[in-house]
Amino acid sequence: MNYKWLIRRLASVIVAIFATIVISWALLEFSPYSPANYIMQFINPQEFAQKPELYSSLIDYLNTLRPHGNPLISAADYIWNTLHGNLGFSIISNVPVAQLIAVALPWTLFIVVTSLLISFFLGIRIGQKLGYMRGTKTDSISTVSLSILRSVPIYIYAVLLIYILAFTYHIFPTGGAYSVHVTPGFNLPFIASVLYHAFLPIFTLTIVNLVGWILQMRANTIYVLGEDFVNFAEVSGIKKDIIEKKYIGKNAILPLYTSLIIAIGFSFSGSVFVEQTFSYPGVGNLLINSITSNDYPTEMGVFIIIIVAVIVGNLIADLTYSFLDPRAKVGEE
């Protein structure tokens, strides 16, 4: 391993995370919007008319939750607290942001990781088969259809699925993570309810991810089929099944490994629309609710988590790829 490259790579990760925290502080500091507008929706306006000092006191209180003051001091304080896991308190619920994220994160990880693994293994299998069928009518129709499906935004799939399968035919629930009639814990009714409520979010994410994996695996398979070692294996009389698995499949799947690790981080952003549509209590739903209520600390806390997930995913992919492909040396320039 090239340790100079490793040091530079880790330094770039630290700089990227630091920049993310600084940007989140700047957005929090200079945003022109106030959560007071959201809170006032739930307060009788006559109270402010009779006692104007209530509004002033509300603004003063909200400003204590935002990093106003000396920019250098407030920025340093915000960065220090964030690096120590203190993301502040939610303006709306007055609960630590880290606690809100800790509750929501497992639900997002569940649907994101499950959908990614399902779509990945199905995608590489289907994509490999399409790669072998290159140039045929089936391949042409499939490729065009998949390209069209890939261009459809994820929220369109989510809306169609919830409308047809939840509201119209009542096959699946319209929202939530589990039924209110079950007791949370390691018991069969709760697990069955969690899987039942998670089916549509997972299915939606799987559809979107599956199309991308199929097209990528098809392209990689076609590329590997043109390599000299494949032609030599065919001329040598090696069985087709062995060539497909050991020569073509393994080499075509290697470039997708990096995409898989990185996709875990990017899937957090994709889950925002899915969780909001299905009222699923994950990080995405938490982000949307914090945006609509101008809950800046929660909004920025989720923003930091999403960006850090992408950065760390890239780092893990870079450091571990060489273990799968001995031809690639970590840090080799």
Protein backbone atom coordinates (compact mmCIF):
# COMPACT_ATOMS: atom_id res chain seq x y z
CA MET A 1 0.00 0.00 0.00
CA ASN A 2 1.21 3.49 -0.84
CA TYR A 3 1.11 5.22 2.55
CA LYS A 4 1.63 8.66 1.04
CA TRP A 5 -1.50 8.12 -1.05
CA LEU A 6 -3.36 6.87 2.04
CA ILE A 7 -2.41 9.97 4.03
CA ARG A 8 -3.52 12.24 1.17
CA ARG A 9 -6.77 10.29 0.83
CA LEU A 10 -7.56 10.53 4.53
CA ALA A 11 -6.66 14.22 4.51
CA SER A 12 -9.09 14.81 1.63
CA VAL A 13 -11.83 13.03 3.61
CA ILE A 14 -11.17 15.21 6.66
CA VAL A 15 -11.24 18.36 4.53
CA ALA A 16 -14.48 17.27 2.85
CA ILE A 17 -16.19 16.57 6.18
CA PHE A 18 -14.91 19.85 7.61
CA ALA A 19 -16.20 21.72 4.55
CA THR A 20 -19.59 20.03 4.97
CA ILE A 21 -19.83 21.23 8.57
CA VAL A 22 -18.79 24.78 7.61
CA ILE A 23 -21.34 24.92 4.79
CA SER A 24 -24.09 23.68 7.11
CA TRP A 25 -23.13 26.37 9.64
CA ALA A 26 -23.24 29.06 6.93
CA LEU A 27 -26.69 27.92 5.79
CA LEU A 28 -27.87 27.96 9.37
CA GLU A 29 -26.34 31.37 10.08
CA PHE A 30 -27.40 33.31 7.00
CA SER A 31 -30.77 31.76 6.20
CA PRO A 32 -33.41 34.52 5.86
CA TYR A 33 -36.23 32.26 7.02
CA SER A 34 -37.33 31.89 10.61
CA PRO A 35 -38.98 28.92 12.33
CA ALA A 36 -41.13 31.49 14.13
CA ASN A 37 -43.35 31.61 11.04
CA TYR A 38 -44.02 27.89 11.39
CA ILE A 39 -44.53 27.98 15.15
CA MET A 40 -46.95 30.91 14.89
CA GLN A 41 -49.35 28.73 12.90
CA PHE A 42 -50.14 26.91 16.14
CA ILE A 43 -50.45 30.02 18.30
CA ASN A 44 -53.53 32.21 18.60
CA PRO A 45 -52.69 35.45 16.71
CA GLN A 46 -54.79 37.45 19.19
CA GLU A 47 -52.15 36.75 21.83
CA PHE A 48 -49.55 38.60 19.75
CA ALA A 49 -52.00 41.44 19.08
CA GLN A 50 -52.65 41.88 22.78
CA LYS A 51 -49.06 41.23 23.88
CA PRO A 52 -46.53 42.20 21.15
CA GLU A 53 -43.69 41.38 23.53
CA LEU A 54 -44.56 37.67 23.08
CA TYR A 55 -43.38 37.78 19.48
CA SER A 56 -40.16 39.53 20.44
CA SER A 57 -39.48 36.99 23.16
CA LEU A 58 -40.18 34.16 20.69
CA ILE A 59 -37.69 35.59 18.20
CA ASP A 60 -35.09 36.07 20.93
CA TYR A 61 -35.53 32.47 22.05
CA LEU A 62 -35.22 31.10 18.53
CA ASN A 63 -32.09 33.16 17.94
CA THR A 64 -30.47 31.46 20.91
CA LEU A 65 -30.87 28.17 19.06
CA ARG A 66 -29.17 29.50 15.94
CA PRO A 67 -25.45 30.35 15.72
CA HIS A 68 -25.87 34.15 15.61
CA GLY A 69 -23.25 36.44 17.09
CA ASN A 70 -19.57 36.74 16.28
CA PRO A 71 -19.19 34.66 13.08
CA LEU A 72 -15.77 33.27 13.99
CA ILE A 73 -16.78 32.31 17.52
CA SER A 74 -20.14 30.86 16.49
CA ALA A 75 -18.56 28.93 13.59
CA ALA A 76 -15.84 27.50 15.82
CA ASP A 77 -18.41 26.59 18.47
CA TYR A 78 -20.69 24.92 15.91
CA ILE A 79 -17.82 22.93 14.36
CA TRP A 80 -16.53 21.86 17.79
CA ASN A 81 -19.95 20.67 18.92
CA THR A 82 -20.63 18.87 15.64
CA LEU A 83 -17.33 17.00 15.73
CA HIS A 84 -18.24 15.85 19.25
CA GLY A 85 -21.64 14.57 18.14
CA ASN A 86 -23.60 17.54 19.49
CA LEU A 87 -25.82 18.66 16.61
CA GLY A 88 -27.92 20.96 18.73
CA PHE A 89 -31.58 20.78 19.71
CA SER A 90 -34.58 20.58 17.43
CA ILE A 91 -36.37 23.92 17.45
CA ILE A 92 -39.77 22.29 17.03
CA SER A 93 -39.55 19.30 19.39
CA ASN A 94 -36.76 20.58 21.71
CA VAL A 95 -35.09 17.15 21.48
CA PRO A 96 -31.36 16.66 20.68
CA VAL A 97 -30.92 16.34 16.92
CA ALA A 98 -28.53 13.42 17.39
CA GLN A 99 -31.28 11.58 19.25
CA LEU A 100 -33.81 12.21 16.46
CA ILE A 101 -31.34 10.94 13.85
CA ALA A 102 -30.45 7.90 15.97
CA VAL A 103 -34.13 6.92 16.04
CA ALA A 104 -34.71 7.51 12.32
CA LEU A 105 -31.42 6.18 10.90
CA PRO A 106 -32.04 2.43 11.48
CA TRP A 107 -35.30 2.59 9.50
CA THR A 108 -33.56 4.25 6.55
CA LEU A 109 -30.64 1.83 6.68
CA PHE A 110 -33.09 -1.08 6.68
CA ILE A 111 -34.92 -0.12 3.48
CA VAL A 112 -31.83 1.28 1.73
CA VAL A 113 -29.49 -1.66 2.36
CA THR A 114 -32.19 -4.27 1.72
CA SER A 115 -33.25 -2.70 -1.59
CA LEU A 116 -29.64 -2.24 -2.70
CA LEU A 117 -28.68 -5.86 -2.05
CA ILE A 118 -31.79 -7.23 -3.76
CA SER A 119 -31.42 -4.96 -6.79
CA PHE A 120 -27.66 -5.54 -7.01
CA PHE A 121 -27.75 -9.34 -7.16
CA LEU A 122 -30.76 -9.39 -9.48
CA GLY A 123 -29.22 -6.66 -11.63
CA ILE A 124 -25.89 -8.37 -12.18
CA ARG A 125 -27.61 -11.62 -13.12
CA ILE A 126 -30.07 -10.06 -15.56
CA GLY A 127 -27.46 -7.66 -16.94
CA GLN A 128 -25.04 -10.51 -17.56
CA LYS A 129 -27.68 -12.42 -19.51
CA LEU A 130 -28.49 -9.36 -21.60
CA GLY A 131 -24.79 -8.90 -22.30
CA TYR A 132 -24.59 -12.40 -23.76
CA MET A 133 -27.64 -11.60 -25.91
CA ARG A 134 -26.10 -8.41 -27.33
CA GLY A 135 -27.35 -7.46 -30.77
CA THR A 136 -30.51 -9.56 -30.56
CA LYS A 137 -34.06 -8.19 -30.72
CA THR A 138 -34.60 -9.10 -27.05
CA ASP A 139 -31.52 -7.14 -26.06
CA SER A 140 -32.57 -4.10 -28.09
CA ILE A 141 -36.11 -4.02 -26.69
CA SER A 142 -34.90 -4.60 -23.14
CA THR A 143 -32.23 -1.90 -23.34
CA VAL A 144 -34.64 0.72 -24.70
CA SER A 145 -37.28 -0.19 -22.11
CA LEU A 146 -34.77 -0.06 -19.25
CA SER A 147 -33.44 3.30 -20.44
CA ILE A 148 -36.97 4.72 -20.39
CA LEU A 149 -37.64 3.30 -16.93
CA ARG A 150 -34.39 4.77 -15.65
CA SER A 151 -35.43 8.26 -16.75
CA VAL A 152 -38.59 8.16 -14.61
CA PRO A 153 -38.10 10.02 -11.28
CA ILE A 154 -38.28 7.91 -8.15
CA TYR A 155 -41.22 9.84 -6.70
CA ILE A 156 -43.33 8.86 -9.73
CA TYR A 157 -42.86 5.18 -8.89
CA ALA A 158 -43.64 5.89 -5.25
CA VAL A 159 -46.85 7.79 -6.01
CA LEU A 160 -48.08 5.15 -8.48
CA LEU A 161 -47.39 2.26 -6.11
CA ILE A 162 -49.03 3.85 -3.09
CA TYR A 163 -52.04 4.95 -5.15
CA ILE A 164 -52.62 1.55 -6.76
CA LEU A 165 -51.54 -0.90 -4.06
CA ALA A 166 -52.42 1.11 -0.94
CA PHE A 167 -55.25 3.55 -1.63
CA THR A 168 -57.05 1.74 -4.47
CA TYR A 169 -56.72 -1.97 -3.67
CA HIS A 170 -55.69 -1.70 0.02
CA ILE A 171 -53.12 -4.46 -0.35
CA PHE A 172 -50.46 -2.60 1.64
CA PRO A 173 -50.64 0.11 4.32
CA THR A 174 -50.47 3.77 3.34
CA GLY A 175 -47.75 4.67 5.83
CA GLY A 176 -45.88 4.02 9.04
CA ALA A 177 -43.15 1.57 9.99
CA TYR A 178 -45.37 -0.95 11.77
CA SER A 179 -48.93 -1.39 13.00
CA VAL A 180 -50.07 0.33 16.18
CA HIS A 181 -51.63 -2.98 17.24
CA VAL A 182 -48.29 -4.78 17.71
CA THR A 183 -45.80 -4.48 20.54
CA PRO A 184 -42.32 -3.36 19.40
CA GLY A 185 -39.68 -5.96 20.18
CA PHE A 186 -38.12 -9.16 18.95
CA ASN A 187 -41.37 -11.00 18.34
CA LEU A 188 -42.97 -12.46 15.22
CA PRO A 189 -45.99 -10.11 14.98
CA PHE A 190 -43.75 -7.03 15.18
CA ILE A 191 -41.23 -8.36 12.64
CA ALA A 192 -44.04 -9.35 10.25
CA SER A 193 -45.61 -5.91 10.60
CA VAL A 194 -42.27 -4.16 9.94
CA LEU A 195 -41.70 -6.21 6.77
CA TYR A 196 -45.29 -5.61 5.65
CA HIS A 197 -45.02 -1.83 6.05
CA ALA A 198 -41.53 -1.72 4.51
CA PHE A 199 -42.47 -3.67 1.38
CA LEU A 200 -43.56 -0.70 -0.77
CA PRO A 201 -40.59 1.56 0.17
CA ILE A 202 -38.16 -1.29 -0.47
CA PHE A 203 -39.91 -2.27 -3.70
CA THR A 204 -39.78 1.33 -4.97
CA LEU A 205 -36.06 1.72 -4.22
CA THR A 206 -35.38 -1.73 -5.69
CA ILE A 207 -37.04 -0.86 -9.01
CA VAL A 208 -35.01 2.32 -9.41
CA ASN A 209 -31.70 0.70 -8.41
CA LEU A 210 -32.34 -2.50 -10.39
CA VAL A 211 -32.55 -0.71 -13.73
CA GLY A 212 -29.19 0.96 -13.18
CA TRP A 213 -27.43 -2.26 -12.14
CA ILE A 214 -28.80 -4.15 -15.15
CA LEU A 215 -27.57 -1.54 -17.63
CA GLN A 216 -24.15 -1.26 -15.96
CA MET A 217 -23.67 -5.03 -15.79
CA ARG A 218 -24.76 -5.42 -19.41
CA ALA A 219 -22.19 -2.83 -20.54
CA ASN A 220 -19.42 -4.43 -18.44
CA THR A 221 -20.26 -7.90 -19.74
CA ILE A 222 -20.10 -6.76 -23.37
CA TYR A 223 -16.73 -5.12 -22.67
CA VAL A 224 -15.30 -8.26 -21.06
CA LEU A 225 -16.61 -10.45 -23.89
CA GLY A 226 -14.27 -8.61 -26.22
CA GLU A 227 -11.18 -9.29 -24.12
CA ASP A 228 -8.46 -11.58 -25.47
CA PHE A 229 -8.52 -13.96 -22.48
CA VAL A 230 -12.20 -14.73 -23.15
CA ASN A 231 -11.53 -15.48 -26.80
CA PHE A 232 -8.60 -17.67 -25.80
CA ALA A 233 -10.77 -19.56 -23.30
CA GLU A 234 -13.42 -20.19 -25.96
CA VAL A 235 -10.84 -21.40 -28.47
CA SER A 236 -9.31 -23.68 -25.81
CA GLY A 237 -12.60 -25.51 -25.50
CA ILE A 238 -13.42 -24.47 -21.94
CA LYS A 239 -17.08 -25.07 -21.11
CA LYS A 240 -19.42 -22.11 -21.59
CA ASP A 241 -20.68 -22.21 -17.99
CA ILE A 242 -17.14 -21.96 -16.63
CA ILE A 243 -16.32 -19.07 -18.96
CA GLU A 244 -19.46 -17.23 -17.91
CA LYS A 245 -18.83 -17.61 -14.17
CA LYS A 246 -15.05 -17.51 -13.77
CA TYR A 247 -13.91 -15.46 -16.72
CA ILE A 248 -16.72 -13.08 -17.60
CA GLY A 249 -18.91 -12.77 -14.50
CA LYS A 250 -16.16 -12.06 -11.99
CA ASN A 251 -14.41 -9.50 -14.17
CA ALA A 252 -17.61 -7.75 -15.21
CA ILE A 253 -18.85 -7.39 -11.64
CA LEU A 254 -15.66 -5.89 -10.22
CA PRO A 255 -16.29 -2.29 -11.41
CA LEU A 256 -19.76 -2.44 -9.85
CA TYR A 257 -18.33 -2.97 -6.37
CA THR A 258 -17.27 0.66 -6.08
CA SER A 259 -20.68 1.77 -7.34
CA LEU A 260 -22.40 -0.41 -4.75
CA ILE A 261 -20.53 1.07 -1.79
CA ILE A 262 -21.03 4.63 -3.04
CA ALA A 263 -24.70 3.93 -3.80
CA ILE A 264 -25.37 3.25 -0.11
CA GLY A 265 -24.51 6.86 0.66
CA PHE A 266 -26.39 8.32 -2.29
CA SER A 267 -29.45 6.18 -1.52
CA PHE A 268 -30.04 8.29 1.57
CA SER A 269 -30.97 11.20 -0.70
CA GLY A 270 -33.17 8.96 -2.85
CA SER A 271 -34.99 7.69 0.22
CA VAL A 272 -36.15 11.23 1.01
CA PHE A 273 -38.96 11.10 -1.58
CA VAL A 274 -39.82 7.50 -0.82
CA GLU A 275 -40.06 7.99 2.93
CA GLN A 276 -42.11 11.16 2.53
CA THR A 277 -44.54 9.45 0.14
CA PHE A 278 -45.01 6.39 2.33
CA SER A 279 -44.80 8.33 5.64
CA TYR A 280 -41.91 6.10 6.63
CA PRO A 281 -40.14 7.35 9.79
CA GLY A 282 -36.60 7.43 8.39
CA VAL A 283 -33.95 10.09 7.91
CA GLY A 284 -35.52 11.26 4.64
CA ASN A 285 -38.88 11.90 6.25
CA LEU A 286 -37.14 13.66 9.13
CA LEU A 287 -35.34 15.93 6.65
CA ILE A 288 -38.54 16.88 4.81
CA ASN A 289 -40.35 17.66 8.06
CA SER A 290 -37.46 19.79 9.29
CA ILE A 291 -37.38 21.72 6.00
CA THR A 292 -41.11 22.45 6.02
CA SER A 293 -40.94 23.62 9.65
CA ASN A 294 -37.68 25.58 9.22
CA ASP A 295 -36.10 23.43 11.92
CA TYR A 296 -32.54 24.39 11.03
CA PRO A 297 -30.54 22.28 13.50
CA THR A 298 -32.36 19.09 12.49
CA GLU A 299 -32.15 19.96 8.81
CA MET A 300 -28.41 20.58 8.96
CA GLY A 301 -27.81 17.51 11.12
CA VAL A 302 -29.44 15.24 8.56
CA PHE A 303 -27.60 17.07 5.76
CA ILE A 304 -24.27 16.35 7.47
CA ILE A 305 -25.15 12.67 7.96
CA ILE A 306 -26.03 12.22 4.28
CA ILE A 307 -22.87 13.92 3.00
CA VAL A 308 -20.61 12.06 5.44
CA ALA A 309 -22.20 8.76 4.36
CA VAL A 310 -21.24 9.48 0.74
CA ILE A 311 -17.69 10.55 1.67
CA VAL A 312 -17.08 7.51 3.87
CA GLY A 313 -18.56 5.24 1.20
CA ASN A 314 -16.06 6.55 -1.34
CA LEU A 315 -13.20 6.00 1.11
CA ILE A 316 -14.25 2.41 1.89
CA ALA A 317 -14.56 1.63 -1.82
CA ASP A 318 -11.07 2.99 -2.52
CA LEU A 319 -9.46 1.09 0.36
CA THR A 320 -11.13 -2.29 -0.22
CA TYR A 321 -11.27 -2.56 -4.01
CA SER A 322 -7.78 -4.03 -4.24
CA PHE A 323 -8.84 -6.98 -2.06
CA LEU A 324 -11.34 -7.99 -4.74
CA ASP A 325 -9.16 -7.19 -7.73
CA PRO A 326 -5.46 -7.96 -7.12
CA ARG A 327 -4.61 -6.08 -10.33
CA ALA A 328 -5.60 -2.82 -8.65
CA LYS A 329 -3.11 -1.63 -6.06
CA VAL A 330 -4.32 0.80 -3.41
CA GLY A 331 -2.68 4.16 -3.90
CA GLU A 332 -0.99 3.17 -7.15
CA GLU A 333 -0.59 6.14 -9.49
